[in-house]
Amino acid sequence: MKVLLDTNFIIAVIADRIDLLNELRKFGKPEVFIPELVEEELKKLAESRGRDGANARLALQYIKSSGFGTLKTRKDHTDREIERAARTLGMHVCTIDRKLAETLIRKGMPVITIRQRKYLAIEKKRGTTS
């Protein structure tokens, strides 16, 4: 199962101390990818002070140590690039962005989201989860 991570999702996983790979294994063998635009967003956030900056720095370290793949993206809007990659490469998208999730689900693409700040669930169409 190919999985694409969104910026806020990665930060939430770090902040909530969720064992991402263990949770993803519930749905199959995960191949995790980070879009270049997401990595760029994390680097910008990592320069800031406070909790978000600290979590972004931890997220970058986690990505590097986990050996996730990097997905080349155009210099476009991040959400559009995530949608394009999910559609063309048949990937699941991990996001907590409601607007992005609803768009993807409406178009028939599976979305993995965080539930109760401790586990992951797949949303296949509006209102249903796995």
N, C-alpha and C. Protein backbone atom coordinates (compact mmCIF):
# COMPACT_ATOMS: atom_id res chain seq x y z
N MET A 1 0.85 -1.17 0.00
CA MET A 1 0.00 0.00 0.00
C MET A 1 0.90 1.24 0.00
N LYS A 2 0.74 2.06 -1.05
CA LYS A 2 1.51 3.30 -1.14
C LYS A 2 0.77 4.40 -0.41
N VAL A 3 1.52 5.13 0.42
CA VAL A 3 0.93 6.15 1.30
C VAL A 3 1.69 7.46 1.12
N LEU A 4 0.92 8.54 1.03
CA LEU A 4 1.46 9.88 0.87
C LEU A 4 1.10 10.70 2.10
N LEU A 5 2.09 11.35 2.73
CA LEU A 5 1.86 12.10 3.96
C LEU A 5 1.75 13.60 3.71
N ASP A 6 0.75 14.22 4.33
CA ASP A 6 0.54 15.65 4.28
C ASP A 6 1.28 16.30 5.46
N THR A 7 1.60 17.57 5.32
CA THR A 7 2.37 18.30 6.34
C THR A 7 1.74 18.23 7.72
N ASN A 8 0.49 18.65 7.84
CA ASN A 8 -0.16 18.69 9.16
C ASN A 8 -0.33 17.30 9.76
N PHE A 9 -0.49 16.30 8.91
CA PHE A 9 -0.60 14.93 9.39
C PHE A 9 0.69 14.50 10.09
N ILE A 10 1.81 14.77 9.44
CA ILE A 10 3.11 14.39 10.02
C ILE A 10 3.32 15.10 11.36
N ILE A 11 3.01 16.37 11.41
CA ILE A 11 3.18 17.13 12.65
C ILE A 11 2.27 16.57 13.74
N ALA A 12 1.02 16.22 13.39
CA ALA A 12 0.09 15.65 14.37
C ALA A 12 0.59 14.30 14.89
N VAL A 13 1.14 13.49 14.00
CA VAL A 13 1.68 12.18 14.41
C VAL A 13 2.79 12.38 15.44
N ILE A 14 3.66 13.36 15.19
CA ILE A 14 4.75 13.65 16.12
C ILE A 14 4.19 14.20 17.43
N ALA A 15 3.29 15.18 17.34
CA ALA A 15 2.75 15.83 18.54
C ALA A 15 1.97 14.84 19.41
N ASP A 16 1.23 13.93 18.78
CA ASP A 16 0.39 12.98 19.53
C ASP A 16 1.13 11.67 19.83
N ARG A 17 2.38 11.59 19.41
CA ARG A 17 3.23 10.41 19.66
C ARG A 17 2.58 9.11 19.15
N ILE A 18 2.10 9.17 17.93
CA ILE A 18 1.48 8.01 17.30
C ILE A 18 2.57 7.20 16.60
N ASP A 19 2.54 5.89 16.78
CA ASP A 19 3.49 5.00 16.10
C ASP A 19 2.99 4.82 14.66
N LEU A 20 3.43 5.71 13.78
CA LEU A 20 2.91 5.77 12.41
C LEU A 20 3.03 4.45 11.67
N LEU A 21 4.22 3.89 11.61
CA LEU A 21 4.41 2.66 10.83
C LEU A 21 3.61 1.51 11.39
N ASN A 22 3.55 1.39 12.70
CA ASN A 22 2.76 0.33 13.31
C ASN A 22 1.27 0.49 12.97
N GLU A 23 0.78 1.71 13.03
CA GLU A 23 -0.62 1.97 12.69
C GLU A 23 -0.89 1.69 11.21
N LEU A 24 0.02 2.09 10.34
CA LEU A 24 -0.18 1.85 8.90
C LEU A 24 -0.15 0.37 8.56
N ARG A 25 0.61 -0.41 9.31
CA ARG A 25 0.67 -1.86 9.05
C ARG A 25 -0.67 -2.55 9.27
N LYS A 26 -1.57 -1.92 9.99
CA LYS A 26 -2.91 -2.49 10.17
C LYS A 26 -3.65 -2.60 8.84
N PHE A 27 -3.25 -1.77 7.88
CA PHE A 27 -3.94 -1.72 6.59
C PHE A 27 -3.17 -2.43 5.48
N GLY A 28 -1.99 -2.94 5.77
CA GLY A 28 -1.16 -3.59 4.76
C GLY A 28 0.28 -3.15 4.93
N LYS A 29 1.13 -3.61 4.02
CA LYS A 29 2.54 -3.23 4.08
C LYS A 29 2.71 -1.83 3.50
N PRO A 30 3.07 -0.85 4.33
CA PRO A 30 3.13 0.53 3.84
C PRO A 30 4.43 0.87 3.11
N GLU A 31 4.28 1.59 2.01
CA GLU A 31 5.40 2.25 1.33
C GLU A 31 5.09 3.73 1.49
N VAL A 32 5.87 4.42 2.31
CA VAL A 32 5.55 5.80 2.68
C VAL A 32 6.38 6.78 1.85
N PHE A 33 5.68 7.80 1.35
CA PHE A 33 6.31 8.84 0.54
C PHE A 33 5.98 10.22 1.08
N ILE A 34 6.95 11.12 0.95
CA ILE A 34 6.78 12.51 1.35
C ILE A 34 6.93 13.36 0.09
N PRO A 35 5.91 14.14 -0.26
CA PRO A 35 6.07 15.05 -1.41
C PRO A 35 7.14 16.10 -1.11
N GLU A 36 7.89 16.48 -2.12
CA GLU A 36 8.92 17.51 -1.93
C GLU A 36 8.33 18.79 -1.34
N LEU A 37 7.13 19.16 -1.78
CA LEU A 37 6.50 20.38 -1.26
C LEU A 37 6.21 20.28 0.24
N VAL A 38 5.86 19.08 0.71
CA VAL A 38 5.61 18.87 2.14
C VAL A 38 6.92 19.03 2.92
N GLU A 39 7.98 18.46 2.38
CA GLU A 39 9.28 18.59 3.05
C GLU A 39 9.70 20.07 3.12
N GLU A 40 9.45 20.81 2.04
CA GLU A 40 9.76 22.24 2.04
C GLU A 40 8.94 22.99 3.09
N GLU A 41 7.65 22.65 3.21
CA GLU A 41 6.79 23.28 4.22
C GLU A 41 7.32 22.98 5.62
N LEU A 42 7.74 21.74 5.86
CA LEU A 42 8.27 21.37 7.17
C LEU A 42 9.55 22.15 7.48
N LYS A 43 10.39 22.33 6.49
CA LYS A 43 11.64 23.07 6.70
C LYS A 43 11.34 24.53 7.07
N LYS A 44 10.36 25.13 6.42
CA LYS A 44 9.98 26.50 6.76
C LYS A 44 9.43 26.57 8.18
N LEU A 45 8.55 25.62 8.53
CA LEU A 45 7.99 25.58 9.88
C LEU A 45 9.07 25.35 10.93
N ALA A 46 10.07 24.54 10.59
CA ALA A 46 11.13 24.20 11.53
C ALA A 46 11.95 25.42 11.94
N GLU A 47 11.92 26.46 11.13
CA GLU A 47 12.64 27.69 11.45
C GLU A 47 11.93 28.53 12.51
N SER A 48 10.67 28.24 12.74
CA SER A 48 9.91 29.03 13.71
C SER A 48 10.13 28.51 15.13
N ARG A 49 9.79 29.38 16.07
CA ARG A 49 9.90 29.01 17.49
C ARG A 49 8.59 28.41 17.95
N GLY A 50 8.61 27.83 19.12
CA GLY A 50 7.40 27.30 19.69
C GLY A 50 7.17 25.83 19.34
N ARG A 51 6.00 25.37 19.71
CA ARG A 51 5.64 23.96 19.57
C ARG A 51 5.64 23.50 18.11
N ASP A 52 5.04 24.30 17.21
CA ASP A 52 5.00 23.91 15.80
C ASP A 52 6.39 23.76 15.20
N GLY A 53 7.27 24.69 15.51
CA GLY A 53 8.63 24.62 15.02
C GLY A 53 9.36 23.40 15.54
N ALA A 54 9.18 23.14 16.83
CA ALA A 54 9.83 21.96 17.44
C ALA A 54 9.30 20.67 16.83
N ASN A 55 7.98 20.60 16.65
CA ASN A 55 7.39 19.39 16.04
C ASN A 55 7.82 19.23 14.59
N ALA A 56 7.97 20.32 13.87
CA ALA A 56 8.43 20.26 12.48
C ALA A 56 9.88 19.74 12.43
N ARG A 57 10.71 20.20 13.35
CA ARG A 57 12.10 19.71 13.40
C ARG A 57 12.13 18.21 13.72
N LEU A 58 11.30 17.79 14.67
CA LEU A 58 11.22 16.36 14.99
C LEU A 58 10.69 15.56 13.80
N ALA A 59 9.72 16.13 13.09
CA ALA A 59 9.15 15.46 11.92
C ALA A 59 10.22 15.26 10.84
N LEU A 60 11.04 16.27 10.60
CA LEU A 60 12.12 16.14 9.61
C LEU A 60 13.12 15.07 10.01
N GLN A 61 13.46 15.02 11.30
CA GLN A 61 14.38 13.97 11.78
C GLN A 61 13.75 12.59 11.60
N TYR A 62 12.46 12.48 11.93
CA TYR A 62 11.74 11.20 11.80
C TYR A 62 11.71 10.74 10.34
N ILE A 63 11.41 11.66 9.43
CA ILE A 63 11.36 11.33 8.01
C ILE A 63 12.71 10.81 7.54
N LYS A 64 13.76 11.51 7.93
CA LYS A 64 15.11 11.13 7.52
C LYS A 64 15.49 9.76 8.07
N SER A 65 15.21 9.53 9.34
CA SER A 65 15.61 8.25 9.97
C SER A 65 14.74 7.08 9.52
N SER A 66 13.53 7.35 9.07
CA SER A 66 12.62 6.28 8.66
C SER A 66 12.86 5.82 7.23
N GLY A 67 13.60 6.60 6.47
CA GLY A 67 13.90 6.20 5.10
C GLY A 67 12.71 6.27 4.16
N PHE A 68 11.78 7.17 4.41
CA PHE A 68 10.62 7.34 3.54
C PHE A 68 11.09 7.83 2.17
N GLY A 69 10.34 7.46 1.15
CA GLY A 69 10.65 7.91 -0.20
C GLY A 69 10.26 9.37 -0.38
N THR A 70 10.94 10.03 -1.30
CA THR A 70 10.60 11.41 -1.64
C THR A 70 9.88 11.39 -2.99
N LEU A 71 8.77 12.10 -3.05
CA LEU A 71 7.99 12.17 -4.28
C LEU A 71 8.23 13.52 -4.94
N LYS A 72 8.78 13.48 -6.14
CA LYS A 72 9.01 14.72 -6.89
C LYS A 72 7.67 15.37 -7.18
N THR A 73 7.60 16.67 -6.98
CA THR A 73 6.36 17.40 -7.24
C THR A 73 6.67 18.67 -8.02
N ARG A 74 5.65 19.16 -8.69
CA ARG A 74 5.76 20.45 -9.36
C ARG A 74 5.71 21.54 -8.30
N LYS A 75 6.13 22.72 -8.68
CA LYS A 75 6.06 23.86 -7.75
C LYS A 75 4.66 24.45 -7.83
N ASP A 76 3.68 23.69 -7.38
CA ASP A 76 2.28 24.07 -7.43
C ASP A 76 1.77 24.14 -6.00
N HIS A 77 0.49 24.26 -5.85
CA HIS A 77 -0.14 24.22 -4.53
C HIS A 77 -0.01 22.80 -3.97
N THR A 78 0.38 22.67 -2.74
CA THR A 78 0.64 21.36 -2.13
C THR A 78 -0.56 20.42 -2.23
N ASP A 79 -1.75 20.91 -1.87
CA ASP A 79 -2.93 20.04 -1.91
C ASP A 79 -3.22 19.54 -3.32
N ARG A 80 -3.04 20.38 -4.33
CA ARG A 80 -3.27 19.95 -5.72
C ARG A 80 -2.26 18.89 -6.12
N GLU A 81 -1.03 19.05 -5.68
CA GLU A 81 0.00 18.06 -6.00
C GLU A 81 -0.26 16.73 -5.29
N ILE A 82 -0.73 16.79 -4.05
CA ILE A 82 -1.07 15.57 -3.32
C ILE A 82 -2.23 14.86 -4.03
N GLU A 83 -3.24 15.62 -4.42
CA GLU A 83 -4.38 15.03 -5.14
C GLU A 83 -3.92 14.39 -6.46
N ARG A 84 -3.09 15.11 -7.20
CA ARG A 84 -2.60 14.59 -8.49
C ARG A 84 -1.82 13.29 -8.29
N ALA A 85 -0.94 13.26 -7.31
CA ALA A 85 -0.13 12.06 -7.05
C ALA A 85 -1.01 10.90 -6.61
N ALA A 86 -1.97 11.18 -5.74
CA ALA A 86 -2.87 10.12 -5.27
C ALA A 86 -3.65 9.52 -6.43
N ARG A 87 -4.12 10.38 -7.31
CA ARG A 87 -4.92 9.92 -8.45
C ARG A 87 -4.06 9.14 -9.45
N THR A 88 -2.92 9.70 -9.84
CA THR A 88 -2.12 9.08 -10.89
C THR A 88 -1.33 7.86 -10.41
N LEU A 89 -0.95 7.83 -9.14
CA LEU A 89 -0.13 6.73 -8.62
C LEU A 89 -0.91 5.76 -7.74
N GLY A 90 -2.21 6.02 -7.55
CA GLY A 90 -3.04 5.12 -6.74
C GLY A 90 -2.63 5.05 -5.28
N MET A 91 -2.35 6.20 -4.69
CA MET A 91 -1.86 6.24 -3.31
C MET A 91 -2.97 6.59 -2.33
N HIS A 92 -2.83 6.11 -1.10
CA HIS A 92 -3.65 6.56 0.01
C HIS A 92 -3.03 7.87 0.50
N VAL A 93 -3.85 8.82 0.92
CA VAL A 93 -3.34 10.09 1.43
C VAL A 93 -3.60 10.18 2.93
N CYS A 94 -2.55 10.44 3.69
CA CYS A 94 -2.67 10.66 5.12
C CYS A 94 -2.79 12.16 5.36
N THR A 95 -3.94 12.59 5.86
CA THR A 95 -4.15 14.02 6.10
C THR A 95 -5.15 14.23 7.22
N ILE A 96 -5.04 15.38 7.88
CA ILE A 96 -6.06 15.79 8.84
C ILE A 96 -6.74 17.06 8.34
N ASP A 97 -6.42 17.45 7.11
CA ASP A 97 -7.02 18.62 6.48
C ASP A 97 -8.41 18.23 5.97
N ARG A 98 -9.46 18.73 6.62
CA ARG A 98 -10.84 18.35 6.27
C ARG A 98 -11.18 18.64 4.82
N LYS A 99 -10.80 19.82 4.35
CA LYS A 99 -11.12 20.21 2.98
C LYS A 99 -10.46 19.26 1.98
N LEU A 100 -9.17 18.99 2.17
CA LEU A 100 -8.46 18.07 1.29
C LEU A 100 -9.07 16.67 1.37
N ALA A 101 -9.33 16.20 2.58
CA ALA A 101 -9.90 14.86 2.76
C ALA A 101 -11.24 14.73 2.04
N GLU A 102 -12.11 15.72 2.21
CA GLU A 102 -13.42 15.66 1.57
C GLU A 102 -13.30 15.65 0.05
N THR A 103 -12.39 16.44 -0.48
CA THR A 103 -12.17 16.47 -1.93
C THR A 103 -11.71 15.10 -2.43
N LEU A 104 -10.74 14.52 -1.75
CA LEU A 104 -10.21 13.22 -2.16
C LEU A 104 -11.27 12.12 -2.06
N ILE A 105 -12.00 12.10 -0.96
CA ILE A 105 -13.02 11.08 -0.75
C ILE A 105 -14.12 11.20 -1.80
N ARG A 106 -14.53 12.42 -2.07
CA ARG A 106 -15.57 12.67 -3.08
C ARG A 106 -15.13 12.14 -4.45
N LYS A 107 -13.83 12.19 -4.72
CA LYS A 107 -13.29 11.72 -6.00
C LYS A 107 -12.91 10.24 -5.95
N GLY A 108 -13.25 9.56 -4.84
CA GLY A 108 -13.03 8.13 -4.73
C GLY A 108 -11.65 7.69 -4.29
N MET A 109 -10.87 8.60 -3.75
CA MET A 109 -9.53 8.24 -3.29
C MET A 109 -9.54 8.01 -1.78
N PRO A 110 -8.88 6.95 -1.31
CA PRO A 110 -8.87 6.66 0.12
C PRO A 110 -8.01 7.63 0.92
N VAL A 111 -8.51 8.00 2.08
CA VAL A 111 -7.83 8.94 2.97
C VAL A 111 -7.62 8.26 4.32
N ILE A 112 -6.42 8.41 4.85
CA ILE A 112 -6.12 7.91 6.19
C ILE A 112 -6.03 9.12 7.10
N THR A 113 -6.76 9.06 8.20
CA THR A 113 -6.79 10.20 9.12
C THR A 113 -6.57 9.71 10.55
N ILE A 114 -6.39 10.64 11.45
CA ILE A 114 -6.14 10.32 12.87
C ILE A 114 -7.47 10.37 13.62
N ARG A 115 -7.71 9.39 14.45
CA ARG A 115 -8.91 9.33 15.28
C ARG A 115 -8.50 9.35 16.75
N GLN A 116 -9.19 10.15 17.52
CA GLN A 116 -9.00 10.25 18.97
C GLN A 116 -7.54 10.49 19.37
N ARG A 117 -6.80 11.13 18.48
CA ARG A 117 -5.39 11.47 18.71
C ARG A 117 -4.52 10.27 19.07
N LYS A 118 -4.95 9.04 18.65
CA LYS A 118 -4.13 7.89 18.99
C LYS A 118 -4.10 6.77 17.97
N TYR A 119 -5.01 6.72 17.01
CA TYR A 119 -4.96 5.66 16.01
C TYR A 119 -5.40 6.20 14.65
N LEU A 120 -5.11 5.42 13.62
CA LEU A 120 -5.44 5.82 12.26
C LEU A 120 -6.66 5.06 11.75
N ALA A 121 -7.40 5.70 10.85
CA ALA A 121 -8.57 5.08 10.23
C ALA A 121 -8.60 5.49 8.76
N ILE A 122 -9.09 4.57 7.91
CA ILE A 122 -9.24 4.87 6.48
C ILE A 122 -10.67 5.32 6.23
N GLU A 123 -10.80 6.44 5.55
CA GLU A 123 -12.11 6.93 5.10
C GLU A 123 -12.19 6.66 3.61
N LYS A 124 -13.16 5.85 3.23
CA LYS A 124 -13.29 5.49 1.83
C LYS A 124 -14.33 6.33 1.12
N LYS A 125 -15.38 6.64 1.80
CA LYS A 125 -16.37 7.58 1.29
C LYS A 125 -17.00 8.25 2.47
N ARG A 126 -17.61 9.36 2.27
CA ARG A 126 -18.12 10.17 3.35
C ARG A 126 -18.85 9.39 4.42
N GLY A 127 -18.38 9.52 5.65
CA GLY A 127 -19.07 8.92 6.79
C GLY A 127 -18.67 7.49 7.11
N THR A 128 -17.85 6.84 6.27
CA THR A 128 -17.46 5.47 6.57
C THR A 128 -15.97 5.42 6.86
N THR A 129 -15.59 4.59 7.79
CA THR A 129 -14.19 4.42 8.15
C THR A 129 -13.87 2.94 8.27
N SER A 130 -12.57 2.63 8.25
CA SER A 130 -12.10 1.27 8.47
C SER A 130 -11.19 1.25 9.67
